[in-house]
Amino acid sequence: DDAVLRWKNPVENARIRLHMTDCLGTHGGLAEAEIECEGPDTGELVIPGKYLDMLDDGDWSHGECGTHTFARYHSAAPEGDDTMRFETIGNEGLFYRPGGLW
């Protein structure tokens, strides 16, 4: 099944980023599976179930681990200056183990 993340107060012109990896990816190895999503802040992100199935099939043999982050960000540049960009990021973590989001 697909998983749906929802949040309140989407911010116009902001973007969101989701990164999830299996357990091996947080212990210095190369993850067998990773999910990365990026898009506009609409207040909702749907993670396809087949992506989560592939993540579940990764290496989870090292305990309760895996790196899972969700960020909302906006960027702006001073008017007339394309050499500088300011970015504001709000990060949130989430806990995931095969079988579901918590």
Protein backbone atom coordinates (compact mmCIF):
# COMPACT_ATOMS: atom_id res chain seq x y z
CA ASP A 1 0.00 0.00 0.00
CA ASP A 2 1.02 3.59 -0.55
CA ALA A 3 1.95 5.68 2.50
CA VAL A 4 0.67 9.24 2.78
CA LEU A 5 2.49 11.89 4.81
CA ARG A 6 0.36 14.95 5.59
CA TRP A 7 1.18 18.16 7.39
CA LYS A 8 -0.59 21.41 8.18
CA ASN A 9 0.08 24.85 6.76
CA PRO A 10 1.88 24.21 3.46
CA VAL A 11 4.03 27.19 2.53
CA GLU A 12 3.62 28.81 -0.87
CA ASN A 13 6.82 28.62 -2.93
CA ALA A 14 8.43 26.20 -0.43
CA ARG A 15 9.65 22.74 -1.40
CA ILE A 16 9.95 19.49 0.51
CA ARG A 17 12.58 16.74 0.58
CA LEU A 18 12.24 13.18 1.91
CA HIS A 19 15.18 10.81 2.30
CA MET A 20 14.91 7.25 3.63
CA THR A 21 17.52 4.50 3.69
CA ASP A 22 17.79 0.97 5.03
CA CYS A 23 19.81 0.03 8.09
CA LEU A 24 23.05 -0.77 6.26
CA GLY A 25 23.16 2.74 4.82
CA THR A 26 23.56 4.22 8.32
CA HIS A 27 26.36 1.88 9.36
CA GLY A 28 28.97 2.93 6.84
CA GLY A 29 27.82 0.61 4.09
CA LEU A 30 26.12 1.22 0.79
CA ALA A 31 22.39 0.99 1.30
CA GLU A 32 20.61 -1.73 -0.59
CA ALA A 33 17.66 0.63 -0.94
CA GLU A 34 17.05 4.37 -0.62
CA ILE A 35 14.07 6.61 -1.30
CA GLU A 36 14.54 10.26 -2.22
CA CYS A 37 11.64 12.55 -3.09
CA GLU A 38 11.62 16.30 -3.74
CA GLY A 39 8.77 18.56 -4.78
CA PRO A 40 6.49 21.50 -3.99
CA ASP A 41 5.08 21.90 -0.48
CA THR A 42 1.43 20.91 -1.00
CA GLY A 43 0.75 19.58 2.51
CA GLU A 44 0.91 15.96 1.34
CA LEU A 45 3.41 13.47 -0.03
CA VAL A 46 2.44 10.01 -1.30
CA ILE A 47 5.16 7.36 -1.15
CA PRO A 48 4.34 4.53 -3.57
CA GLY A 49 3.95 1.17 -1.87
CA LYS A 50 6.34 -0.49 -4.32
CA TYR A 51 9.08 1.93 -3.17
CA LEU A 52 8.45 1.00 0.46
CA ASP A 53 8.47 -2.70 -0.48
CA MET A 54 11.93 -2.25 -2.01
CA LEU A 55 13.10 -0.40 1.10
CA ASP A 56 11.66 -3.17 3.30
CA ASP A 57 13.66 -5.72 1.28
CA GLY A 58 16.90 -3.87 2.15
CA ASP A 59 19.23 -4.76 5.05
CA TRP A 60 17.52 -4.24 8.44
CA SER A 61 19.73 -6.63 10.44
CA HIS A 62 21.56 -4.01 12.54
CA GLY A 63 18.82 -3.00 14.98
CA GLU A 64 16.52 0.00 14.93
CA CYS A 65 18.26 2.20 12.43
CA GLY A 66 18.00 3.74 9.03
CA THR A 67 18.21 7.42 8.23
CA HIS A 68 14.88 9.08 7.55
CA THR A 69 14.57 12.84 7.20
CA PHE A 70 11.88 15.17 5.97
CA ALA A 71 12.70 18.81 5.23
CA ARG A 72 10.76 21.87 4.10
CA TYR A 73 12.85 24.59 2.52
CA HIS A 74 12.66 27.84 0.61
CA SER A 75 15.38 29.76 -1.11
CA ALA A 76 15.70 33.32 -2.28
CA ALA A 77 18.30 35.63 -3.77
CA PRO A 78 18.67 39.37 -3.30
CA GLU A 79 17.01 41.21 -6.17
CA GLY A 80 19.45 41.65 -9.03
CA ASP A 81 22.13 39.43 -7.44
CA ASP A 82 22.45 35.93 -8.87
CA THR A 83 25.74 35.23 -7.06
CA MET A 84 24.12 34.67 -3.67
CA ARG A 85 21.26 32.48 -2.48
CA PHE A 86 19.72 32.18 0.97
CA GLU A 87 18.07 28.92 1.98
CA THR A 88 15.90 28.30 5.03
CA ILE A 89 15.42 24.66 5.99
CA GLY A 90 13.13 23.10 8.59
CA ASN A 91 14.12 19.46 9.23
CA GLU A 92 12.03 16.77 10.86
CA GLY A 93 12.92 13.16 11.49
CA LEU A 94 10.57 10.24 11.22
CA PHE A 95 10.86 6.68 12.43
CA TYR A 96 10.42 3.86 9.94
CA ARG A 97 10.84 0.13 10.24
CA PRO A 98 9.64 -2.42 7.71
CA GLY A 99 5.93 -2.70 8.19
CA GLY A 100 5.08 0.98 8.41
CA LEU A 101 5.71 4.61 9.25
CA TRP A 102 5.52 5.67 12.89
